[in-house]
């Protein structure tokens, strides 16, 4: 049957089915314009039905309808999502060349669903209809918005309990033992690493391994920080019971304050969210992000409570670009035999030799006590030669430039770079508090650290 007009299609139906004018079978072909009218009628009552089948090769699909109004369309294949083995396009009609399962669809299906009825032997479920995937950016936008809202929602859940948790962790004489199962376990591994790098000794303990021998890693004075969004994780529940018997304090982060793990903890920190960012609301996404954010909040509150400094941070981060940023000047300076220095009474010939030997284009001039009193650079030497041909017969003390720029060896390397840029120089001498020369740091030394 070919339907060219919706009104004619209605009139062709038996009177008993006048209220269901969209019943078609596998032999029915609707031109696109008629199909559009049919499916618009359905969409007004159940828009979820209007979803295209992935296996149909149709023209560009307008938003909200799932097919082109100017192309023919086979509603049986559309609604059921059956694979159409072959299609022939002729005279703007879409003809099914191989028979699809004959079944009355469309209006009856929708009406049955609205009445809670069934189609055939299985319930009609529009949610299981094939759907067009959303643009990836749209999915990403929704995920980020949901997860951002989950983190923002933690602010309203903060109260004095959080303060007690921070103080309990700070006062613990031992270590913070972080634990969790599955995705929560991965999050707790990161939290343990953050705590350890910011002044709070910490490590991760797998709850399943804990109850099979690794419980011996927990010693007197330790405190456990656990995460389970449901608060019912079996492995953690068994661990909680053992911790109670051992008298080990427990701080728990869950999304359910009435859960067994929350009730068994000394302190409970809520991480409840409205929904996961997963389109199925199943995969842990927003919940793990919220747990991670609260763990970071604990770590940063502990950092401030302990008075943790950039210098402390540097001690725990000797490697990588971060470690380079936190190096002290005395760790990169030239000292001992590599330090260019001459006494004030040394001849200029000796001063020039020292500059050439050490290869930094500069030499310090010190008094008998080893205190820095002046400097001679390549530039100074050129200017002196222009003015005085007898310079080689003079002493370093007579030719030096007094008051050279200095820096303390305990300052960070980036501070030395900043001072060089401010004064437009390439070297800084490192001196102790009493003025004694300790070393020199050159611009090339900082280039090697990639601080630029």
Protein backbone atom coordinates (compact mmCIF):
# COMPACT_ATOMS: atom_id res chain seq x y z
CA UNK A 1 0.00 0.00 0.00
CA UNK A 2 1.23 3.47 -0.90
CA UNK A 3 -0.25 6.38 1.06
CA UNK A 4 -0.08 9.75 -0.70
CA UNK A 5 -2.48 11.66 1.50
CA UNK A 6 -3.06 11.50 5.24
CA UNK A 7 -6.81 12.11 4.93
CA UNK A 8 -7.16 9.30 2.40
CA UNK A 9 -5.13 7.10 4.72
CA UNK A 10 -7.51 7.89 7.57
CA UNK A 11 -10.56 7.15 5.44
CA UNK A 12 -9.10 3.80 4.38
CA UNK A 13 -9.11 2.55 7.94
CA UNK A 14 -11.97 0.52 9.45
CA UNK A 15 -14.34 2.63 11.62
CA UNK A 16 -13.23 0.73 14.70
CA UNK A 17 -9.73 2.05 14.21
CA UNK A 18 -10.67 5.65 13.39
CA UNK A 19 -9.00 6.81 16.60
CA UNK A 20 -5.73 5.18 15.51
CA UNK A 21 -5.18 6.53 11.99
CA UNK A 22 -1.44 5.82 11.96
CA UNK A 23 -1.55 2.02 11.94
CA UNK A 24 0.69 0.72 9.14
CA UNK A 25 2.31 -2.59 8.29
CA UNK A 26 5.52 -3.69 6.65
CA UNK A 27 4.12 -3.11 3.16
CA UNK A 28 3.10 0.47 3.80
CA UNK A 29 5.19 3.27 2.33
CA UNK A 30 4.61 6.90 3.28
CA UNK A 31 6.03 9.79 1.26
CA UNK A 32 8.08 12.10 3.47
CA UNK A 33 5.41 14.81 3.68
CA UNK A 34 2.76 12.39 4.93
CA UNK A 35 5.22 10.69 7.28
CA UNK A 36 6.03 14.07 8.75
CA UNK A 37 2.36 14.74 9.49
CA UNK A 38 2.01 11.29 11.04
CA UNK A 39 4.99 11.56 13.28
CA UNK A 40 4.24 15.14 14.25
CA UNK A 41 0.90 13.88 15.51
CA UNK A 42 2.67 11.24 17.59
CA UNK A 43 5.31 13.65 18.81
CA UNK A 44 2.67 15.83 20.38
CA UNK A 45 1.86 12.98 22.75
CA UNK A 46 5.19 11.20 23.04
CA UNK A 47 8.18 13.00 21.48
CA UNK A 48 10.52 10.14 22.50
CA UNK A 49 9.08 8.05 19.67
CA UNK A 50 10.44 10.45 17.08
CA UNK A 51 13.98 9.05 17.02
CA UNK A 52 15.69 7.84 13.83
CA UNK A 53 16.92 4.30 13.38
CA UNK A 54 20.70 4.22 13.07
CA UNK A 55 20.59 1.65 10.29
CA UNK A 56 18.49 3.75 7.93
CA UNK A 57 20.47 5.73 5.36
CA UNK A 58 18.30 8.85 5.19
CA UNK A 59 18.99 12.40 3.99
CA UNK A 60 19.90 15.23 6.35
CA UNK A 61 17.58 14.95 9.37
CA UNK A 62 15.93 18.13 10.67
CA UNK A 63 16.11 18.61 14.45
CA UNK A 64 13.17 17.19 16.37
CA UNK A 65 11.73 15.02 13.59
CA UNK A 66 14.41 12.53 12.68
CA UNK A 67 13.78 12.48 8.92
CA UNK A 68 13.47 14.79 5.91
CA UNK A 69 9.98 16.02 5.10
CA UNK A 70 10.73 15.89 1.37
CA UNK A 71 11.87 12.27 1.21
CA UNK A 72 9.81 9.06 1.40
CA UNK A 73 10.00 7.14 4.62
CA UNK A 74 9.11 3.66 5.86
CA UNK A 75 7.55 4.00 9.34
CA UNK A 76 7.82 0.32 10.32
CA UNK A 77 11.57 0.31 9.97
CA UNK A 78 11.70 3.71 11.60
CA UNK A 79 9.77 2.89 14.75
CA UNK A 80 11.07 -0.59 15.33
CA UNK A 81 14.66 0.16 14.39
CA UNK A 82 14.80 -2.92 12.14
CA UNK A 83 17.74 -3.14 9.73
CA UNK A 84 16.48 -2.53 6.20
CA UNK A 85 18.50 -4.94 4.01
CA UNK A 86 18.09 -2.96 0.80
CA UNK A 87 16.29 0.19 -0.31
CA UNK A 88 15.23 1.26 -3.78
CA UNK A 89 14.50 4.93 -4.40
CA UNK A 90 12.04 5.55 -7.23
CA UNK A 91 9.60 8.37 -7.84
CA UNK A 92 10.37 9.82 -4.41
CA UNK A 93 9.20 6.67 -2.68
CA UNK A 94 11.14 4.36 -0.39
CA UNK A 95 10.30 0.73 -1.23
CA UNK A 96 11.33 -2.12 1.09
CA UNK A 97 12.58 -4.90 -1.20
CA UNK A 98 12.80 -7.48 1.57
CA UNK A 99 9.88 -7.98 3.91
CA UNK A 100 10.31 -6.69 7.45
CA UNK A 101 8.46 -8.42 10.30
CA UNK A 102 4.82 -7.57 9.75
CA UNK A 103 3.45 -5.79 12.75
CA UNK A 104 1.04 -2.94 13.40
CA UNK A 105 2.99 -0.05 14.81
CA UNK A 106 3.12 3.67 15.46
CA UNK A 107 -0.18 4.89 16.89
CA UNK A 108 -1.17 1.62 18.54
CA UNK A 109 2.28 1.33 20.08
CA UNK A 110 2.12 4.82 21.47
CA UNK A 111 -1.41 4.41 22.72
CA UNK A 112 -0.57 1.07 24.33
CA UNK A 113 2.39 2.63 26.08
CA UNK A 114 0.29 5.53 27.33
CA UNK A 115 -2.20 3.00 28.71
CA UNK A 116 0.58 0.87 30.17
CA UNK A 117 -0.15 -1.87 27.66
CA UNK A 118 2.18 -3.95 25.52
CA UNK A 119 2.98 -4.54 21.88
CA UNK A 120 3.27 -8.20 21.07
CA UNK A 121 5.00 -10.05 23.89
CA UNK A 122 7.24 -7.20 25.10
CA UNK A 123 6.41 -3.81 26.64
CA UNK A 124 6.80 -0.88 24.29
CA UNK A 125 9.63 1.24 25.66
CA UNK A 126 10.54 4.45 23.77
CA UNK A 127 13.75 4.69 25.83
CA UNK A 128 15.06 1.64 23.98
CA UNK A 129 14.50 3.19 20.56
CA UNK A 130 17.69 3.91 18.60
CA UNK A 131 18.80 7.50 19.18
CA UNK A 132 20.99 9.93 17.32
CA UNK A 133 24.17 10.53 19.37
CA UNK A 134 24.49 14.09 20.59
CA UNK A 135 27.43 16.19 19.42
CA UNK A 136 30.42 15.39 21.67
CA UNK A 137 30.69 19.00 22.77
CA UNK A 138 27.11 18.93 23.98
CA UNK A 139 27.84 15.81 26.05
CA UNK A 140 31.01 17.41 27.42
CA UNK A 141 29.18 20.61 28.32
CA UNK A 142 26.53 18.70 30.25
CA UNK A 143 29.11 16.57 32.07
CA UNK A 144 31.15 19.61 33.10
CA UNK A 145 28.08 21.51 34.27
CA UNK A 146 26.85 18.58 36.36
CA UNK A 147 30.27 17.96 37.93
CA UNK A 148 30.79 21.67 38.61
CA UNK A 149 27.40 21.79 40.31
CA UNK A 150 28.33 18.73 42.37
CA UNK A 151 31.51 20.40 43.65
CA UNK A 152 29.70 23.70 44.31
CA UNK A 153 27.05 21.80 46.24
CA UNK A 154 29.66 20.68 48.78
CA UNK A 155 29.98 24.23 50.11
CA UNK A 156 26.51 24.10 51.66
CA UNK A 157 27.39 20.78 53.33
CA UNK A 158 30.42 22.18 55.18
CA UNK A 159 29.99 22.69 58.90
CA UNK A 160 31.96 22.35 62.14
CA UNK A 161 32.38 18.65 61.39
CA UNK A 162 34.90 19.57 58.69
CA UNK A 163 36.86 21.66 61.22
CA UNK A 164 36.92 18.70 63.61
CA UNK A 165 38.14 16.41 60.85
CA UNK A 166 41.01 18.73 59.96
CA UNK A 167 42.07 19.07 63.59
CA UNK A 168 41.80 15.30 64.10
CA UNK A 169 44.05 14.68 61.08
CA UNK A 170 46.51 17.39 62.10
CA UNK A 171 46.82 16.08 65.66
CA UNK A 172 47.28 12.43 64.67
CA UNK A 173 50.77 11.33 65.76
CA UNK A 174 50.93 8.75 62.98
CA UNK A 175 50.00 8.71 59.31
CA UNK A 176 46.76 9.20 57.41
CA UNK A 177 45.77 5.87 55.85
CA UNK A 178 43.55 6.53 52.81
CA UNK A 179 41.31 3.74 51.57
CA UNK A 180 38.47 3.12 49.14
CA UNK A 181 37.23 0.54 46.64
CA UNK A 182 36.88 0.85 42.86
CA UNK A 183 36.73 4.40 41.51
CA UNK A 184 36.65 5.76 45.05
CA UNK A 185 39.87 3.86 45.70
CA UNK A 186 41.57 5.55 42.75
CA UNK A 187 40.43 8.93 44.08
CA UNK A 188 41.80 8.09 47.53
CA UNK A 189 45.18 7.20 46.01
CA UNK A 190 45.36 10.74 44.64
CA UNK A 191 44.27 12.24 47.96
CA UNK A 192 46.96 10.23 49.78
CA UNK A 193 49.57 11.59 47.35
CA UNK A 194 48.34 15.17 47.83
CA UNK A 195 48.43 14.86 51.60
CA UNK A 196 51.93 13.37 51.57
CA UNK A 197 53.29 16.12 49.31
CA UNK A 198 51.83 18.90 51.44
CA UNK A 199 53.14 17.95 54.84
CA UNK A 200 50.77 15.23 56.06
CA UNK A 201 52.37 11.75 56.03
CA UNK A 202 49.93 9.50 54.19
CA UNK A 203 49.63 6.35 52.08
CA UNK A 204 46.92 4.32 50.34
CA UNK A 205 45.72 0.95 51.65
CA UNK A 206 43.50 -1.25 49.47
CA UNK A 207 40.59 -2.43 51.64
CA UNK A 208 40.49 -5.94 50.13
CA UNK A 209 44.24 -6.38 50.64
CA UNK A 210 43.91 -4.96 54.16
CA UNK A 211 41.68 -7.78 55.34
CA UNK A 212 44.08 -10.31 53.81
CA UNK A 213 47.22 -9.31 55.68
CA UNK A 214 48.02 -5.70 54.78
CA UNK A 215 46.25 -4.51 57.91
CA UNK A 216 49.67 -4.77 59.51
CA UNK A 217 50.62 -1.56 57.65
CA UNK A 218 48.46 0.36 60.13
CA UNK A 219 50.31 1.14 63.35
CA UNK A 220 49.47 2.90 66.59
CA UNK A 221 48.82 6.59 66.06
CA UNK A 222 47.53 6.22 62.48
CA UNK A 223 44.11 7.49 61.42
CA UNK A 224 42.03 6.13 58.51
CA UNK A 225 40.34 8.31 55.89
CA UNK A 226 37.86 6.24 53.84
CA UNK A 227 35.56 7.01 50.89
CA UNK A 228 32.47 5.15 49.72
CA UNK A 229 29.67 7.09 48.04
CA UNK A 230 27.01 4.50 48.86
CA UNK A 231 28.43 3.91 52.33
CA UNK A 232 27.75 0.21 51.92
CA UNK A 233 30.87 -1.10 50.16
CA UNK A 234 31.32 -4.64 51.44
CA UNK A 235 35.12 -4.61 51.66
CA UNK A 236 35.09 -1.31 53.55
CA UNK A 237 32.38 -2.51 55.93
CA UNK A 238 34.55 -5.44 56.96
CA UNK A 239 37.51 -3.11 57.39
CA UNK A 240 35.45 -0.70 59.53
CA UNK A 241 34.57 -3.53 61.92
CA UNK A 242 38.23 -4.48 62.29
CA UNK A 243 39.31 -0.86 62.80
CA UNK A 244 36.79 -0.54 65.61
CA UNK A 245 38.21 -3.59 67.37
CA UNK A 246 41.73 -2.22 66.97
CA UNK A 247 40.73 1.24 68.21
CA UNK A 248 41.88 2.97 65.00
CA UNK A 249 39.98 6.25 64.42
CA UNK A 250 38.03 6.54 61.16
CA UNK A 251 36.92 9.54 59.13
CA UNK A 252 34.51 8.60 56.33
CA UNK A 253 33.34 10.46 53.22
CA UNK A 254 30.03 9.13 51.88
CA UNK A 255 26.94 10.36 50.10
CA UNK A 256 24.61 8.82 52.67
CA UNK A 257 24.88 9.94 56.29
CA UNK A 258 22.67 7.07 57.45
CA UNK A 259 24.78 4.39 55.76
CA UNK A 260 26.63 1.75 57.83
CA UNK A 261 30.06 3.21 57.04
CA UNK A 262 28.95 6.72 57.96
CA UNK A 263 27.48 5.51 61.23
CA UNK A 264 30.60 3.50 62.04
CA UNK A 265 32.95 6.46 61.56
CA UNK A 266 34.16 8.79 64.29
CA UNK A 267 33.61 11.70 61.89
CA UNK A 268 31.44 11.65 58.76
CA UNK A 269 31.98 14.14 55.92
CA UNK A 270 29.04 14.26 53.45
CA UNK A 271 29.69 14.31 49.68
CA UNK A 272 26.08 13.97 48.52
CA UNK A 273 25.28 14.98 44.92
CA UNK A 274 22.05 15.38 42.96
CA UNK A 275 23.00 13.05 40.09
CA UNK A 276 25.92 11.55 38.24
CA UNK A 277 27.23 13.16 35.06
CA UNK A 278 26.86 9.81 33.28
CA UNK A 279 23.89 9.97 30.82
CA UNK A 280 22.75 6.67 32.32
CA UNK A 281 23.24 8.04 35.85
CA UNK A 282 25.29 4.91 36.59
CA UNK A 283 29.04 5.44 36.13
CA UNK A 284 30.68 7.21 39.11
CA UNK A 285 31.46 10.66 37.72
CA UNK A 286 30.09 13.60 39.69
CA UNK A 287 30.32 11.60 42.92
CA UNK A 288 34.03 10.82 42.48
CA UNK A 289 34.73 14.41 41.45
CA UNK A 290 33.02 15.66 44.61
CA UNK A 291 35.00 13.20 46.74
CA UNK A 292 38.25 14.30 45.14
CA UNK A 293 37.41 17.97 45.68
CA UNK A 294 36.61 17.42 49.36
CA UNK A 295 39.87 15.48 49.75
CA UNK A 296 41.77 18.40 48.23
CA UNK A 297 39.93 20.74 50.61
CA UNK A 298 41.12 18.64 53.56
CA UNK A 299 44.68 18.65 52.27
CA UNK A 300 44.77 22.41 51.76
CA UNK A 301 43.20 23.12 55.15
CA UNK A 302 45.86 20.89 56.72
CA UNK A 303 48.57 22.67 54.74
CA UNK A 304 47.57 26.01 56.27
CA UNK A 305 47.06 24.53 59.72
CA UNK A 306 50.62 23.17 59.65
CA UNK A 307 52.14 26.42 58.36
CA UNK A 308 53.50 24.62 55.32
CA UNK A 309 55.81 26.90 53.27
CA UNK A 310 57.11 26.93 49.68
CA UNK A 311 60.47 25.82 51.07
CA UNK A 312 58.77 22.83 52.71
CA UNK A 313 57.07 22.07 49.42
CA UNK A 314 60.43 22.18 47.62
CA UNK A 315 61.84 19.50 49.91
CA UNK A 316 59.16 17.07 48.76
CA UNK A 317 59.37 17.97 45.04
CA UNK A 318 63.03 17.73 43.97
CA UNK A 319 62.23 16.40 40.50
CA UNK A 320 60.51 17.68 37.39
CA UNK A 321 59.73 21.24 36.37
CA UNK A 322 58.08 21.90 39.72
CA UNK A 323 61.22 20.80 41.51
CA UNK A 324 63.33 23.14 39.38
CA UNK A 325 61.10 26.06 40.29
CA UNK A 326 61.69 25.30 43.96
CA UNK A 327 65.47 24.89 43.91
CA UNK A 328 67.46 27.18 46.21
CA UNK A 329 70.24 29.42 44.92
CA UNK A 330 72.92 27.52 46.84
CA UNK A 331 71.87 24.35 45.01
CA UNK A 332 72.71 25.82 41.60
CA UNK A 333 75.54 28.24 42.43
CA UNK A 334 79.24 27.82 41.57
CA UNK A 335 81.27 27.37 44.76
CA UNK A 336 84.71 26.22 45.89
CA UNK A 337 87.15 25.71 43.01
CA UNK A 338 84.49 26.78 40.48
CA UNK A 339 84.05 30.20 42.11
CA UNK A 340 86.06 32.99 40.39
CA UNK A 341 87.59 35.18 43.11
CA UNK A 342 90.84 37.11 43.74
CA UNK A 343 92.13 39.12 46.67
CA UNK A 344 92.28 42.92 46.55
CA UNK A 345 96.06 42.83 46.40
CA UNK A 346 96.14 40.43 43.42
CA UNK A 347 97.47 41.84 40.14
CA UNK A 348 95.16 42.52 37.25
CA UNK A 349 97.07 39.88 35.30
CA UNK A 350 95.97 37.33 37.93
CA UNK A 351 92.42 38.69 37.84
CA UNK A 352 92.23 38.27 34.05
CA UNK A 353 93.62 34.74 34.33
CA UNK A 354 90.98 33.88 36.98
CA UNK A 355 88.19 35.20 34.77
CA UNK A 356 89.41 33.13 31.81
CA UNK A 357 89.99 29.99 33.87
CA UNK A 358 86.55 29.92 35.49
CA UNK A 359 84.78 30.84 32.26
CA UNK A 360 82.07 33.08 33.68
CA UNK A 361 83.38 36.39 32.38
CA UNK A 362 83.57 37.84 35.87
CA UNK A 363 85.53 37.57 39.12
CA UNK A 364 84.83 38.56 42.70
CA UNK A 365 87.31 40.65 44.67
CA UNK A 366 87.55 39.83 48.39
CA UNK A 367 89.39 41.23 51.37
CA UNK A 368 91.64 39.27 53.70
CA UNK A 369 88.60 38.03 55.67
CA UNK A 370 87.01 36.57 52.53
CA UNK A 371 84.28 39.20 52.38
CA UNK A 372 83.09 40.44 49.01
CA UNK A 373 84.23 44.02 48.37
CA UNK A 374 84.08 44.37 44.59
CA UNK A 375 83.76 42.82 41.15
CA UNK A 376 85.55 42.92 37.80
CA UNK A 377 83.67 41.82 34.67
CA UNK A 378 84.61 41.49 31.00
CA UNK A 379 82.85 44.77 30.35
CA UNK A 380 84.74 46.49 33.16
CA UNK A 381 88.01 45.20 31.75
CA UNK A 382 87.32 46.56 28.24
CA UNK A 383 86.41 49.98 29.62
CA UNK A 384 89.55 50.04 31.78
CA UNK A 385 91.79 49.16 28.81
CA UNK A 386 90.34 52.08 26.84
CA UNK A 387 91.27 54.51 29.63
CA UNK A 388 94.50 53.10 31.08
CA UNK A 389 97.20 51.28 29.12
CA UNK A 390 99.01 50.48 32.37
CA UNK A 391 96.13 48.43 33.77
CA UNK A 392 98.19 45.24 33.91
CA UNK A 393 100.46 46.91 36.42
CA UNK A 394 97.61 47.67 38.81
CA UNK A 395 95.91 45.54 41.49
CA UNK A 396 92.43 44.10 41.48
CA UNK A 397 91.55 46.34 44.43
CA UNK A 398 92.46 49.43 42.39
CA UNK A 399 90.41 48.41 39.32
CA UNK A 400 87.37 46.70 40.85
CA UNK A 401 83.84 48.06 40.85
CA UNK A 402 82.60 48.22 44.49
CA UNK A 403 79.13 47.22 45.75
CA UNK A 404 78.27 44.23 43.52
CA UNK A 405 74.74 42.77 43.52
CA UNK A 406 74.29 39.81 45.86
CA UNK A 407 71.67 37.27 46.91
CA UNK A 408 71.19 34.94 49.87
CA UNK A 409 71.84 31.27 49.16
CA UNK A 410 68.56 30.25 50.79
CA UNK A 411 66.44 32.17 48.29
CA UNK A 412 64.75 30.29 45.46
CA UNK A 413 66.35 30.16 42.02
CA UNK A 414 63.48 32.07 40.33
CA UNK A 415 64.20 34.99 42.71
CA UNK A 416 67.78 35.14 41.39
CA UNK A 417 66.49 35.25 37.83
CA UNK A 418 64.08 38.05 38.70
CA UNK A 419 66.86 40.09 40.31
CA UNK A 420 69.11 39.66 37.27
CA UNK A 421 66.34 40.87 34.97
CA UNK A 422 65.63 43.87 37.18
CA UNK A 423 69.30 44.94 37.28
CA UNK A 424 70.17 43.85 33.71
CA UNK A 425 73.09 41.72 34.82
CA UNK A 426 74.13 38.13 34.11
CA UNK A 427 75.63 37.12 37.48
CA UNK A 428 74.84 37.38 41.17
CA UNK A 429 77.28 36.70 44.00
CA UNK A 430 76.02 34.63 46.92
CA UNK A 431 77.07 35.91 50.33
CA UNK A 432 76.48 34.89 53.93
CA UNK A 433 74.88 37.27 56.40
CA UNK A 434 78.30 38.59 57.46
CA UNK A 435 79.32 39.36 53.86
CA UNK A 436 81.59 36.37 53.30
CA UNK A 437 81.60 35.19 49.70
CA UNK A 438 79.99 31.75 49.24
CA UNK A 439 79.39 31.40 45.53
CA UNK A 440 78.10 32.86 42.28
CA UNK A 441 75.03 32.07 40.17
CA UNK A 442 75.09 32.83 36.45
CA UNK A 443 72.24 33.39 34.02
CA UNK A 444 73.30 30.29 32.06
CA UNK A 445 72.79 28.19 35.19
CA UNK A 446 69.17 29.30 35.30
CA UNK A 447 68.70 28.72 31.58
CA UNK A 448 69.57 25.09 32.23
CA UNK A 449 66.66 24.92 34.68
CA UNK A 450 64.21 26.15 32.02
CA UNK A 451 62.92 28.88 34.29
CA UNK A 452 62.19 31.20 31.37
